[in-house]
């Protein structure tokens, strides 16, 4: 896991730097239990935004974004399971 500094605008319109934990494709894939190519596809589709870093343009995913997607997937799975148990 790497840490980067991202610029964010405050309510007053000024910029501040915020430390953000970034995950590699492999790290994010392990957390979400998906293959590397799935993450690349999700990036292309806009499902999970990747940030390009370095001269090679390696993908990195914000830890917060991965956690939010994991939470969303868990909620959807719980709703689906509840629906099945009613039948």
C-alpha atoms as a PDB file:
ATOM      1  CA  UNK A   1       0.000   0.000   0.000  1.00  0.00           C
ATOM      2  CA  UNK A   2       1.333   3.392  -0.908  1.00  0.00           C
ATOM      3  CA  UNK A   3       0.343   6.826   0.277  1.00  0.00           C
ATOM      4  CA  UNK A   4      -0.142   9.803  -1.954  1.00  0.00           C
ATOM      5  CA  UNK A   5      -1.047  13.396  -1.469  1.00  0.00           C
ATOM      6  CA  UNK A   6      -4.133  14.500  -3.357  1.00  0.00           C
ATOM      7  CA  UNK A   7      -5.297  18.054  -3.725  1.00  0.00           C
ATOM      8  CA  UNK A   8      -8.774  18.808  -2.485  1.00  0.00           C
ATOM      9  CA  UNK A   9     -10.675  22.080  -2.572  1.00  0.00           C
ATOM     10  CA  UNK A  10     -12.079  23.384   0.690  1.00  0.00           C
ATOM     11  CA  UNK A  11     -15.413  25.177   1.021  1.00  0.00           C
ATOM     12  CA  UNK A  12     -13.540  28.471   0.784  1.00  0.00           C
ATOM     13  CA  UNK A  13     -12.150  27.447  -2.615  1.00  0.00           C
ATOM     14  CA  UNK A  14      -8.570  27.021  -1.422  1.00  0.00           C
ATOM     15  CA  UNK A  15      -6.655  23.822  -2.001  1.00  0.00           C
ATOM     16  CA  UNK A  16      -5.329  21.538   0.678  1.00  0.00           C
ATOM     17  CA  UNK A  17      -3.412  18.301   0.435  1.00  0.00           C
ATOM     18  CA  UNK A  18      -4.953  15.144   1.844  1.00  0.00           C
ATOM     19  CA  UNK A  19      -3.048  11.921   2.411  1.00  0.00           C
ATOM     20  CA  UNK A  20      -4.722   9.015   0.677  1.00  0.00           C
ATOM     21  CA  UNK A  21      -3.849   5.348   0.925  1.00  0.00           C
ATOM     22  CA  UNK A  22      -3.546   3.791  -2.507  1.00  0.00           C
ATOM     23  CA  UNK A  23      -3.781   0.084  -3.283  1.00  0.00           C
ATOM     24  CA  UNK A  24      -2.169  -1.753  -6.166  1.00  0.00           C
ATOM     25  CA  UNK A  25      -4.318  -3.742  -8.578  1.00  0.00           C
ATOM     26  CA  UNK A  26      -3.320  -6.942  -6.805  1.00  0.00           C
ATOM     27  CA  UNK A  27      -4.059  -5.566  -3.303  1.00  0.00           C
ATOM     28  CA  UNK A  28      -7.476  -4.257  -4.344  1.00  0.00           C
ATOM     29  CA  UNK A  29      -8.242  -7.530  -6.109  1.00  0.00           C
ATOM     30  CA  UNK A  30      -7.475  -9.544  -3.004  1.00  0.00           C
ATOM     31  CA  UNK A  31      -9.749  -7.358  -0.867  1.00  0.00           C
ATOM     32  CA  UNK A  32     -12.612  -7.569  -3.365  1.00  0.00           C
ATOM     33  CA  UNK A  33     -11.927 -11.211  -4.269  1.00  0.00           C
ATOM     34  CA  UNK A  34     -11.750 -10.464  -8.007  1.00  0.00           C
ATOM     35  CA  UNK A  35      -9.115 -10.930 -10.699  1.00  0.00           C
ATOM     36  CA  UNK A  36      -6.780  -8.151 -11.823  1.00  0.00           C
ATOM     37  CA  UNK A  37      -8.469  -7.914 -15.220  1.00  0.00           C
ATOM     38  CA  UNK A  38     -11.848  -7.399 -13.500  1.00  0.00           C
ATOM     39  CA  UNK A  39     -10.470  -4.305 -11.774  1.00  0.00           C
ATOM     40  CA  UNK A  40      -9.101  -3.011 -15.066  1.00  0.00           C
ATOM     41  CA  UNK A  41     -12.522  -3.540 -16.655  1.00  0.00           C
ATOM     42  CA  UNK A  42     -14.267  -1.815 -13.734  1.00  0.00           C
ATOM     43  CA  UNK A  43     -11.899   1.122 -14.187  1.00  0.00           C
ATOM     44  CA  UNK A  44     -12.777   1.332 -17.898  1.00  0.00           C
ATOM     45  CA  UNK A  45     -16.510   1.083 -17.088  1.00  0.00           C
ATOM     46  CA  UNK A  46     -16.331   3.645 -14.278  1.00  0.00           C
ATOM     47  CA  UNK A  47     -17.346   1.155 -11.578  1.00  0.00           C
ATOM     48  CA  UNK A  48     -14.146   1.758  -9.591  1.00  0.00           C
ATOM     49  CA  UNK A  49     -11.902   4.688 -10.435  1.00  0.00           C
ATOM     50  CA  UNK A  50      -8.195   3.998 -10.818  1.00  0.00           C
ATOM     51  CA  UNK A  51      -5.541   6.671 -10.510  1.00  0.00           C
ATOM     52  CA  UNK A  52      -2.539   6.439 -12.807  1.00  0.00           C
ATOM     53  CA  UNK A  53       0.866   6.986 -11.238  1.00  0.00           C
ATOM     54  CA  UNK A  54       4.442   6.983 -12.407  1.00  0.00           C
ATOM     55  CA  UNK A  55       5.865   7.060 -15.912  1.00  0.00           C
ATOM     56  CA  UNK A  56       4.321   3.665 -16.791  1.00  0.00           C
ATOM     57  CA  UNK A  57       0.856   4.779 -15.736  1.00  0.00           C
ATOM     58  CA  UNK A  58       0.376   2.014 -13.160  1.00  0.00           C
ATOM     59  CA  UNK A  59      -3.125   1.835 -11.715  1.00  0.00           C
ATOM     60  CA  UNK A  60      -3.780   2.520  -8.058  1.00  0.00           C
ATOM     61  CA  UNK A  61      -7.097   2.445  -6.251  1.00  0.00           C
ATOM     62  CA  UNK A  62      -8.038   4.584  -3.275  1.00  0.00           C
ATOM     63  CA  UNK A  63      -8.573   2.480  -0.174  1.00  0.00           C
ATOM     64  CA  UNK A  64     -11.754   4.453   0.577  1.00  0.00           C
ATOM     65  CA  UNK A  65     -13.187   3.674  -2.883  1.00  0.00           C
ATOM     66  CA  UNK A  66     -12.453  -0.042  -2.514  1.00  0.00           C
ATOM     67  CA  UNK A  67     -14.064  -0.085   0.947  1.00  0.00           C
ATOM     68  CA  UNK A  68     -17.158   1.710  -0.391  1.00  0.00           C
ATOM     69  CA  UNK A  69     -17.522  -0.786  -3.237  1.00  0.00           C
ATOM     70  CA  UNK A  70     -17.068  -3.702  -0.839  1.00  0.00           C
ATOM     71  CA  UNK A  71     -19.766  -2.248   1.437  1.00  0.00           C
ATOM     72  CA  UNK A  72     -22.114  -1.799  -1.544  1.00  0.00           C
ATOM     73  CA  UNK A  73     -21.518  -5.381  -2.715  1.00  0.00           C
ATOM     74  CA  UNK A  74     -22.162  -6.693   0.801  1.00  0.00           C
ATOM     75  CA  UNK A  75     -25.450  -4.773   1.074  1.00  0.00           C
ATOM     76  CA  UNK A  76     -26.593  -6.075  -2.321  1.00  0.00           C
ATOM     77  CA  UNK A  77     -25.686  -9.637  -1.344  1.00  0.00           C
ATOM     78  CA  UNK A  78     -27.556  -9.299   1.958  1.00  0.00           C
ATOM     79  CA  UNK A  79     -30.646  -7.968   0.156  1.00  0.00           C
ATOM     80  CA  UNK A  80     -30.499 -10.816  -2.355  1.00  0.00           C
ATOM     81  CA  UNK A  81     -30.099 -13.403   0.414  1.00  0.00           C
ATOM     82  CA  UNK A  82     -33.059 -11.944   2.307  1.00  0.00           C
ATOM     83  CA  UNK A  83     -35.159 -12.072  -0.842  1.00  0.00           C
ATOM     84  CA  UNK A  84     -34.276 -15.747  -1.391  1.00  0.00           C
ATOM     85  CA  UNK A  85     -35.040 -16.723   2.201  1.00  0.00           C
ATOM     86  CA  UNK A  86     -38.590 -15.351   1.914  1.00  0.00           C
ATOM     87  CA  UNK A  87     -39.423 -17.822  -0.846  1.00  0.00           C
END
